[in-house]
Amino acid sequence: MIRYKKGNFRLTNLLRVRGSVFPQSLHLAFWCGAMSAAFKIMEMHKWYGADLFFANVLNNNSAYSSFSVLIGFLVIFRTQQAYSRFWDSCKYVKTMQAEFFVTGANLVAFCRHPDTNKQSESVEVLHFQHVLIRLLSLLHAVCLMQLHGKESTIHPEVIDPHGLDLESLIAIGNEECKVEL
């Protein structure tokens, strides 16, 4: 992900190497510019009959219209692909959130038993439900941070992480791939 500085437009944003297409496009643009300069020199000095060739090309609009149609098609296709990928990813994130919610709701519902009258069992079940919801909240936050990238600066809200034991929090913090833990 490209990180831009807020505020006024800066020329340094265009010249960035990391995350920018400018350095890659510079190679192609350089060779196109060199070829254009060579053709112009050939036309000015009338080398190899270049003046007649370019006079015919400039009068024929089919080359320009074909090129314009091709560029238009490529731009539209790439924009459509990017738009489709964006909405697919939004749909998958919402599906992930819904699955976490359904998992938590089902596990809490499975913990309810009508014959539980003992106070000790109900305290243990309540503690299990609290830990379960905290772990699902932590899993959701870790998934969002991993989707955001390695240099994630976001800190999603987690439901009371201090309600988990310290050993588990340290293990999660030290893990390289937290989602698979």
Protein backbone atom coordinates (compact mmCIF):
# COMPACT_ATOMS: atom_id res chain seq x y z
CA MET A 1 0.00 0.00 0.00
CA ILE A 2 1.29 3.44 -0.87
CA ARG A 3 1.49 5.86 2.06
CA TYR A 4 1.05 9.50 1.06
CA LYS A 5 1.74 12.45 3.28
CA LYS A 6 -1.30 14.55 4.01
CA GLY A 7 -1.37 18.15 2.97
CA ASN A 8 -0.38 19.80 -0.26
CA PHE A 9 0.62 17.84 -3.33
CA ARG A 10 4.30 17.01 -3.29
CA LEU A 11 6.46 16.18 -6.28
CA THR A 12 8.20 13.55 -4.14
CA ASN A 13 5.00 11.48 -4.24
CA LEU A 14 5.49 11.07 -8.01
CA LEU A 15 9.14 10.14 -7.72
CA ARG A 16 8.77 7.45 -5.08
CA VAL A 17 10.27 4.09 -5.96
CA ARG A 18 8.35 1.95 -3.47
CA GLY A 19 4.76 1.33 -4.50
CA SER A 20 4.85 3.57 -7.56
CA VAL A 21 4.51 2.72 -11.23
CA PHE A 22 6.59 5.75 -12.24
CA PRO A 23 10.01 4.00 -12.24
CA GLN A 24 8.69 1.09 -14.31
CA SER A 25 6.93 3.36 -16.79
CA LEU A 26 10.04 5.52 -17.08
CA HIS A 27 11.88 2.71 -18.88
CA LEU A 28 9.17 2.39 -21.51
CA ALA A 29 8.71 6.15 -21.85
CA PHE A 30 12.45 6.67 -22.36
CA TRP A 31 12.58 4.29 -25.32
CA CYS A 32 9.42 5.76 -26.85
CA GLY A 33 10.90 9.25 -26.53
CA ALA A 34 14.19 8.11 -28.07
CA MET A 35 12.37 6.56 -31.03
CA SER A 36 10.30 9.73 -31.51
CA ALA A 37 13.43 11.88 -31.48
CA ALA A 38 15.12 9.56 -34.00
CA PHE A 39 12.08 9.70 -36.30
CA LYS A 40 11.95 13.50 -36.06
CA ILE A 41 15.65 13.76 -36.94
CA MET A 42 15.12 11.37 -39.85
CA GLU A 43 12.20 13.51 -41.08
CA MET A 44 14.09 16.80 -40.72
CA HIS A 45 17.15 15.54 -42.63
CA LYS A 46 15.05 13.52 -45.11
CA TRP A 47 17.00 10.33 -44.47
CA TYR A 48 15.78 7.13 -46.15
CA GLY A 49 12.70 8.88 -47.55
CA ALA A 50 11.34 9.46 -44.05
CA ASP A 51 9.63 12.71 -45.05
CA LEU A 52 7.35 10.88 -47.51
CA PHE A 53 6.66 8.08 -45.06
CA PHE A 54 5.64 10.44 -42.26
CA ALA A 55 3.57 12.59 -44.62
CA ASN A 56 1.52 9.49 -45.53
CA VAL A 57 1.16 8.37 -41.91
CA LEU A 58 -0.01 11.79 -40.76
CA ASN A 59 -2.69 11.92 -43.46
CA ASN A 60 -4.04 8.47 -42.60
CA ASN A 61 -6.26 8.58 -39.49
CA SER A 62 -6.83 4.83 -39.22
CA ALA A 63 -3.61 4.28 -37.24
CA TYR A 64 -4.57 6.91 -34.66
CA SER A 65 -8.17 5.72 -34.35
CA SER A 66 -7.06 2.09 -33.93
CA PHE A 67 -4.56 3.12 -31.28
CA SER A 68 -7.19 5.21 -29.47
CA VAL A 69 -9.66 2.31 -29.45
CA LEU A 70 -6.99 -0.06 -28.14
CA ILE A 71 -5.94 2.30 -25.34
CA GLY A 72 -9.57 3.00 -24.43
CA PHE A 73 -10.32 -0.72 -24.26
CA LEU A 74 -7.30 -1.39 -22.06
CA VAL A 75 -8.11 1.45 -19.67
CA ILE A 76 -11.74 0.39 -19.35
CA PHE A 77 -10.82 -3.27 -18.87
CA ARG A 78 -8.24 -2.55 -16.17
CA THR A 79 -10.58 -0.17 -14.35
CA GLN A 80 -13.36 -2.73 -14.43
CA GLN A 81 -11.01 -5.42 -13.06
CA ALA A 82 -9.86 -3.16 -10.22
CA TYR A 83 -13.44 -2.21 -9.37
CA SER A 84 -14.49 -5.86 -9.38
CA ARG A 85 -11.57 -6.89 -7.15
CA PHE A 86 -12.35 -4.12 -4.69
CA TRP A 87 -15.99 -5.14 -4.26
CA ASP A 88 -15.08 -8.83 -4.11
CA SER A 89 -12.63 -8.13 -1.30
CA CYS A 90 -15.27 -6.06 0.56
CA LYS A 91 -17.69 -8.95 0.22
CA TYR A 92 -15.12 -11.45 1.55
CA VAL A 93 -14.29 -9.27 4.57
CA LYS A 94 -17.99 -8.93 5.41
CA THR A 95 -18.41 -12.69 4.99
CA MET A 96 -15.48 -13.27 7.37
CA GLN A 97 -17.06 -10.94 9.93
CA ALA A 98 -20.42 -12.71 9.62
CA GLU A 99 -18.78 -16.14 10.03
CA PHE A 100 -17.00 -15.00 13.20
CA PHE A 101 -20.30 -13.68 14.55
CA VAL A 102 -22.16 -16.91 13.72
CA THR A 103 -19.38 -18.99 15.28
CA GLY A 104 -19.52 -17.00 18.50
CA ALA A 105 -23.31 -17.04 18.62
CA ASN A 106 -23.48 -20.80 18.04
CA LEU A 107 -20.84 -21.63 20.65
CA VAL A 108 -22.52 -19.42 23.25
CA ALA A 109 -25.88 -21.03 22.41
CA PHE A 110 -24.39 -24.51 22.77
CA CYS A 111 -23.19 -23.60 26.27
CA ARG A 112 -26.75 -23.03 27.51
CA HIS A 113 -28.21 -26.06 29.11
CA PRO A 114 -31.55 -25.98 30.96
CA ASP A 115 -30.50 -28.45 33.65
CA THR A 116 -27.54 -26.39 34.87
CA ASN A 117 -28.51 -25.36 38.36
CA LYS A 118 -25.14 -25.69 39.99
CA GLN A 119 -23.53 -22.35 40.73
CA SER A 120 -19.97 -23.62 40.03
CA GLU A 121 -20.84 -24.94 36.58
CA SER A 122 -22.62 -21.73 35.56
CA VAL A 123 -19.58 -19.65 36.65
CA GLU A 124 -17.27 -21.87 34.58
CA VAL A 125 -19.60 -21.69 31.57
CA LEU A 126 -19.84 -17.90 31.89
CA HIS A 127 -16.02 -17.64 32.10
CA PHE A 128 -15.70 -19.87 29.01
CA GLN A 129 -18.17 -17.69 27.08
CA HIS A 130 -16.28 -14.51 28.01
CA VAL A 131 -12.92 -15.99 26.97
CA LEU A 132 -14.45 -17.31 23.74
CA ILE A 133 -15.85 -13.91 22.75
CA ARG A 134 -12.56 -12.18 23.59
CA LEU A 135 -10.61 -14.69 21.50
CA LEU A 136 -12.97 -14.27 18.54
CA SER A 137 -12.65 -10.49 18.86
CA LEU A 138 -8.86 -10.81 18.93
CA LEU A 139 -8.93 -13.15 15.91
CA HIS A 140 -11.03 -10.64 13.97
CA ALA A 141 -8.64 -7.80 14.84
CA VAL A 142 -5.61 -9.87 13.84
CA CYS A 143 -7.24 -10.81 10.53
CA LEU A 144 -7.94 -7.15 9.74
CA MET A 145 -4.38 -6.19 10.62
CA GLN A 146 -2.98 -8.92 8.37
CA LEU A 147 -5.21 -7.76 5.51
CA HIS A 148 -3.95 -4.23 6.05
CA GLY A 149 -0.34 -5.29 5.53
CA LYS A 150 2.92 -5.94 7.33
CA GLU A 151 3.45 -2.30 8.21
CA SER A 152 0.01 -2.06 9.76
CA THR A 153 -0.54 1.12 11.71
CA ILE A 154 -4.19 0.42 12.43
CA HIS A 155 -5.24 -0.88 15.81
CA PRO A 156 -8.75 -2.34 15.63
CA GLU A 157 -10.78 -2.44 18.80
CA VAL A 158 -10.62 -5.68 20.75
CA ILE A 159 -13.12 -6.66 23.44
CA ASP A 160 -11.21 -6.47 26.76
CA PRO A 161 -7.91 -8.18 25.88
CA HIS A 162 -6.87 -7.88 29.54
CA GLY A 163 -9.51 -10.50 30.36
CA LEU A 164 -7.23 -13.11 28.73
CA ASP A 165 -4.30 -14.59 30.56
CA LEU A 166 -0.93 -12.93 30.08
CA GLU A 167 0.74 -16.06 28.72
CA SER A 168 -1.72 -16.25 25.80
CA LEU A 169 -1.28 -12.57 24.97
CA ILE A 170 2.51 -12.93 24.95
CA ALA A 171 2.27 -16.02 22.70
CA ILE A 172 0.03 -14.15 20.26
CA GLY A 173 2.31 -11.11 20.30
CA ASN A 174 5.43 -13.17 19.55
CA GLU A 175 3.87 -15.23 16.77
CA GLU A 176 4.93 -14.47 13.19
CA CYS A 177 1.62 -15.49 11.60
CA LYS A 178 -0.93 -14.61 14.27
CA VAL A 179 -3.98 -15.73 12.28
CA GLU A 180 -2.79 -19.33 12.08
CA LEU A 181 -2.13 -19.50 15.83
